[in-house]
N, C-alpha and C. Protein backbone atom coordinates (compact mmCIF):
# COMPACT_ATOMS: atom_id res chain seq x y z
N UNK A 1 57.27 -67.58 -42.93
CA UNK A 1 57.56 -67.03 -44.03
C UNK A 1 56.42 -66.30 -44.91
N UNK A 2 56.37 -65.39 -45.26
CA UNK A 2 55.61 -64.19 -46.21
C UNK A 2 56.04 -64.28 -47.19
N UNK A 3 54.83 -64.19 -48.36
CA UNK A 3 55.91 -63.61 -49.67
C UNK A 3 54.49 -62.76 -50.09
N UNK A 4 55.22 -61.77 -50.80
CA UNK A 4 54.20 -60.43 -51.15
C UNK A 4 54.49 -60.46 -52.68
N UNK A 5 53.24 -60.14 -53.22
CA UNK A 5 53.43 -60.41 -54.90
C UNK A 5 52.73 -59.24 -55.27
N UNK A 6 53.90 -57.76 -55.96
CA UNK A 6 53.32 -56.79 -56.50
C UNK A 6 53.02 -56.82 -57.65
N UNK A 7 52.05 -56.42 -58.46
CA UNK A 7 51.84 -56.51 -59.81
C UNK A 7 51.07 -54.36 -60.00
N UNK A 8 52.08 -54.11 -60.98
CA UNK A 8 51.60 -53.10 -61.39
C UNK A 8 52.48 -52.47 -62.95
N UNK A 9 51.62 -51.58 -63.15
CA UNK A 9 51.46 -51.26 -64.04
C UNK A 9 52.86 -50.40 -64.42
N UNK A 10 53.82 -50.32 -65.31
CA UNK A 10 54.82 -48.89 -64.87
C UNK A 10 54.68 -48.55 -66.67
N UNK A 11 55.18 -46.87 -66.87
CA UNK A 11 55.16 -46.20 -67.64
C UNK A 11 56.54 -46.67 -68.91
N UNK A 12 57.24 -46.73 -68.10
CA UNK A 12 58.57 -47.40 -69.16
C UNK A 12 59.30 -47.89 -68.36
N UNK A 13 59.36 -49.63 -68.18
CA UNK A 13 59.91 -50.40 -67.26
C UNK A 13 61.50 -50.31 -67.82
N UNK A 14 62.45 -49.86 -68.47
CA UNK A 14 63.79 -49.80 -68.22
C UNK A 14 64.05 -48.22 -67.07
N UNK A 15 63.18 -47.37 -66.90
CA UNK A 15 63.02 -46.07 -65.94
C UNK A 15 62.86 -47.14 -64.95
N UNK A 16 61.92 -47.58 -64.59
CA UNK A 16 61.43 -48.25 -63.09
C UNK A 16 62.68 -49.38 -62.91
N UNK A 17 62.66 -50.37 -63.95
CA UNK A 17 64.39 -51.07 -63.30
C UNK A 17 65.61 -50.27 -62.73
N UNK A 18 65.75 -48.97 -63.32
CA UNK A 18 66.96 -47.97 -62.67
C UNK A 18 66.54 -47.71 -60.89
N UNK A 19 65.12 -47.63 -61.03
CA UNK A 19 64.94 -47.01 -59.51
C UNK A 19 65.00 -48.23 -58.81
N UNK A 20 64.46 -49.15 -59.35
CA UNK A 20 64.31 -50.34 -58.76
C UNK A 20 65.28 -51.28 -57.96
N UNK A 21 66.23 -51.24 -58.90
CA UNK A 21 67.74 -51.53 -58.87
C UNK A 21 68.58 -50.84 -57.49
N UNK A 22 67.96 -49.27 -57.69
CA UNK A 22 69.15 -48.49 -57.07
C UNK A 22 68.44 -48.82 -55.43
N UNK A 23 66.81 -49.40 -55.14
CA UNK A 23 66.41 -49.65 -53.44
C UNK A 23 66.43 -50.89 -53.01
N UNK A 24 68.01 -51.68 -53.50
CA UNK A 24 68.39 -53.15 -52.84
C UNK A 24 68.61 -52.99 -51.24
N UNK A 25 69.29 -51.53 -51.01
CA UNK A 25 69.74 -51.38 -49.57
C UNK A 25 68.52 -50.96 -48.78
N UNK A 26 67.57 -50.54 -49.40
CA UNK A 26 66.11 -50.39 -48.74
C UNK A 26 65.55 -51.67 -48.66
N UNK A 27 65.30 -52.37 -49.38
CA UNK A 27 64.97 -53.91 -49.54
C UNK A 27 65.14 -54.85 -48.43
N UNK A 28 66.83 -54.77 -48.62
CA UNK A 28 67.34 -55.36 -46.74
C UNK A 28 66.89 -54.88 -45.81
N UNK A 29 67.37 -53.60 -45.67
CA UNK A 29 66.72 -53.18 -44.41
C UNK A 29 66.17 -53.05 -44.01
N UNK A 30 64.90 -52.87 -44.91
CA UNK A 30 63.26 -53.83 -45.11
C UNK A 30 62.82 -55.35 -44.46
N UNK A 31 63.51 -55.97 -44.84
CA UNK A 31 63.44 -57.61 -44.27
C UNK A 31 63.14 -58.36 -45.32
N UNK A 32 63.11 -58.28 -46.81
CA UNK A 32 63.54 -58.43 -48.06
C UNK A 32 64.41 -59.66 -47.86
N UNK A 33 64.03 -61.13 -47.81
CA UNK A 33 64.80 -62.30 -47.65
C UNK A 33 65.66 -62.93 -49.11
N UNK A 34 64.35 -62.50 -50.09
CA UNK A 34 64.72 -62.93 -51.50
C UNK A 34 63.40 -62.37 -52.67
N UNK A 35 64.54 -61.73 -53.67
CA UNK A 35 63.19 -61.16 -54.25
C UNK A 35 63.34 -61.56 -55.96
N UNK A 36 62.45 -61.13 -56.82
CA UNK A 36 62.58 -61.41 -57.89
C UNK A 36 61.37 -60.62 -58.79
N UNK A 37 61.88 -60.47 -60.32
CA UNK A 37 61.03 -59.61 -60.70
C UNK A 37 60.89 -60.52 -62.32
N UNK A 38 59.39 -59.91 -62.75
CA UNK A 38 58.94 -60.83 -63.47
C UNK A 38 58.31 -59.71 -64.44
N UNK A 39 57.91 -59.56 -65.81
CA UNK A 39 57.17 -59.22 -66.83
C UNK A 39 56.54 -59.91 -67.40
N UNK A 40 55.21 -59.10 -67.72
CA UNK A 40 53.99 -60.12 -69.00
C UNK A 40 54.51 -60.32 -69.93
N UNK A 41 54.32 -61.04 -70.72
CA UNK A 41 54.44 -61.55 -71.75
C UNK A 41 54.31 -60.65 -73.07
N UNK A 42 52.99 -60.80 -72.82
CA UNK A 42 52.07 -59.88 -73.92
C UNK A 42 52.19 -58.47 -73.61
N UNK A 43 52.63 -57.93 -72.55
CA UNK A 43 52.56 -56.61 -72.34
C UNK A 43 53.91 -56.32 -71.15
N UNK A 44 55.05 -55.73 -71.87
CA UNK A 44 56.18 -55.93 -70.53
C UNK A 44 56.09 -54.78 -69.77
N UNK A 45 55.56 -53.65 -69.91
CA UNK A 45 55.54 -53.08 -68.97
C UNK A 45 54.79 -53.19 -67.54
N UNK A 46 53.41 -54.09 -67.87
CA UNK A 46 52.90 -54.83 -66.50
C UNK A 46 53.90 -55.91 -66.10
N UNK A 47 54.42 -55.09 -64.77
CA UNK A 47 55.49 -55.99 -63.37
C UNK A 47 54.73 -56.91 -62.55
N UNK A 48 55.21 -57.72 -62.00
CA UNK A 48 55.40 -58.58 -60.90
C UNK A 48 56.89 -58.74 -60.38
N UNK A 49 56.73 -58.56 -58.98
CA UNK A 49 57.52 -58.19 -57.96
C UNK A 49 56.98 -59.24 -57.45
N UNK A 50 58.24 -60.03 -57.02
CA UNK A 50 57.89 -60.92 -55.84
C UNK A 50 58.81 -61.12 -54.66
N UNK A 51 58.62 -60.32 -53.27
CA UNK A 51 59.19 -60.06 -51.81
C UNK A 51 58.94 -61.38 -51.22
N UNK A 52 59.99 -61.64 -50.97
CA UNK A 52 59.78 -63.36 -49.48
C UNK A 52 60.60 -62.49 -48.49
N UNK A 53 59.51 -62.29 -47.05
CA UNK A 53 59.99 -61.91 -45.58
C UNK A 53 60.02 -62.83 -44.80
N UNK A 54 60.41 -62.98 -43.73
CA UNK A 54 60.76 -63.80 -42.64
C UNK A 54 59.12 -63.99 -41.93
N UNK A 55 58.43 -63.06 -41.88
CA UNK A 55 56.96 -62.86 -41.31
C UNK A 55 56.18 -61.82 -41.69
N UNK A 56 55.11 -61.88 -41.59
CA UNK A 56 53.92 -61.05 -41.99
C UNK A 56 54.20 -59.57 -41.58
N UNK A 57 54.03 -59.52 -40.44
CA UNK A 57 54.60 -58.36 -39.38
C UNK A 57 55.41 -57.43 -40.03
N UNK A 58 56.72 -57.85 -40.73
CA UNK A 58 57.43 -57.71 -41.47
C UNK A 58 57.46 -56.97 -42.71
N UNK A 59 56.86 -57.97 -43.23
CA UNK A 59 55.92 -57.80 -45.15
C UNK A 59 54.87 -56.29 -44.45
N UNK A 60 54.20 -56.19 -44.23
CA UNK A 60 53.72 -55.56 -44.05
C UNK A 60 53.85 -53.99 -43.32
N UNK A 61 55.36 -53.83 -42.42
CA UNK A 61 55.97 -52.68 -42.02
C UNK A 61 56.97 -52.08 -43.50
N UNK A 62 57.28 -53.36 -44.44
CA UNK A 62 58.04 -52.57 -45.51
C UNK A 62 57.11 -52.37 -46.74
N UNK A 63 56.12 -52.93 -46.65
CA UNK A 63 55.17 -52.14 -47.95
C UNK A 63 54.25 -50.52 -47.43
N UNK A 64 54.26 -50.22 -46.21
CA UNK A 64 54.03 -49.12 -45.60
C UNK A 64 54.84 -48.20 -45.94
N UNK A 65 55.80 -48.41 -46.37
CA UNK A 65 56.99 -47.64 -45.69
C UNK A 65 56.97 -46.45 -47.23
N UNK A 66 56.42 -45.16 -45.92
CA UNK A 66 56.49 -43.74 -47.30
C UNK A 66 57.99 -43.83 -48.39
N UNK A 67 59.16 -44.18 -47.79
CA UNK A 67 60.26 -44.16 -49.01
C UNK A 67 60.38 -45.28 -49.93
N UNK A 68 59.08 -46.34 -49.98
CA UNK A 68 59.30 -47.40 -50.64
C UNK A 68 57.84 -46.81 -51.65
N UNK A 69 57.49 -45.66 -51.30
CA UNK A 69 56.10 -45.54 -51.98
C UNK A 69 56.88 -43.76 -52.65
N UNK A 70 57.60 -43.48 -52.15
CA UNK A 70 58.43 -42.52 -52.92
C UNK A 70 59.52 -42.80 -53.98
N UNK A 71 59.64 -44.01 -54.10
CA UNK A 71 60.70 -45.15 -55.00
C UNK A 71 59.84 -45.32 -56.31
N UNK A 72 58.12 -45.67 -55.75
CA UNK A 72 57.38 -46.17 -56.99
C UNK A 72 56.95 -45.03 -57.52
N UNK A 73 56.31 -43.90 -57.02
CA UNK A 73 56.29 -42.45 -57.86
C UNK A 73 57.47 -42.46 -58.76
N UNK A 74 58.95 -42.46 -58.57
CA UNK A 74 59.67 -42.20 -58.78
C UNK A 74 60.05 -42.75 -60.17
N UNK A 75 59.81 -43.94 -59.93
CA UNK A 75 60.27 -45.02 -60.94
C UNK A 75 59.24 -45.09 -61.59
N UNK A 76 58.06 -44.31 -61.97
CA UNK A 76 56.59 -44.20 -62.80
C UNK A 76 55.67 -45.56 -63.15
N UNK A 77 55.49 -45.85 -61.57
CA UNK A 77 54.29 -46.64 -61.53
C UNK A 77 53.12 -45.77 -61.82
N UNK A 78 52.10 -46.70 -62.60
CA UNK A 78 51.03 -46.07 -62.88
C UNK A 78 49.89 -46.39 -61.84
N UNK A 79 48.97 -45.90 -60.97
CA UNK A 79 48.10 -46.48 -60.51
C UNK A 79 48.55 -46.95 -59.13
N UNK A 80 47.33 -47.62 -58.68
CA UNK A 80 47.36 -48.22 -57.31
C UNK A 80 47.88 -49.73 -57.53
N UNK A 81 49.10 -50.16 -56.80
CA UNK A 81 49.80 -51.52 -57.21
C UNK A 81 48.33 -52.24 -56.38
N UNK A 82 48.79 -53.67 -57.03
CA UNK A 82 47.90 -54.38 -56.69
C UNK A 82 48.95 -55.66 -55.23
N UNK A 83 48.63 -55.62 -54.07
CA UNK A 83 49.66 -56.27 -53.32
C UNK A 83 48.73 -57.53 -53.02
N UNK A 84 49.49 -58.71 -52.86
CA UNK A 84 48.75 -60.07 -51.95
C UNK A 84 49.87 -60.71 -51.51
N UNK A 85 49.35 -60.59 -50.03
CA UNK A 85 50.20 -61.47 -49.36
C UNK A 85 50.04 -62.99 -49.21
N UNK A 86 50.94 -64.08 -49.00
CA UNK A 86 50.67 -65.24 -48.78
C UNK A 86 51.85 -65.84 -47.16
N UNK A 87 51.24 -67.17 -47.30
CA UNK A 87 51.92 -67.51 -46.29
C UNK A 87 52.49 -69.05 -46.75
């Protein structure tokens, strides 16, 4: 099992969340087996997304998808996300 931690700043959490919630099928098709979203206590536009995958290869393939990058852009992600993979 591989776990991805994706930390990024968003312009507006509510706008970001609408896009995030709309891409559930993309996550499922991309191999996400479990997901959760967390907001920093003192900075609610600083978001941590945790995705679980069956394998490292599946995680890397999902994180490299162009439609995922497009969704992140549409949702108001600012700058490059910090992505860490764990097994």
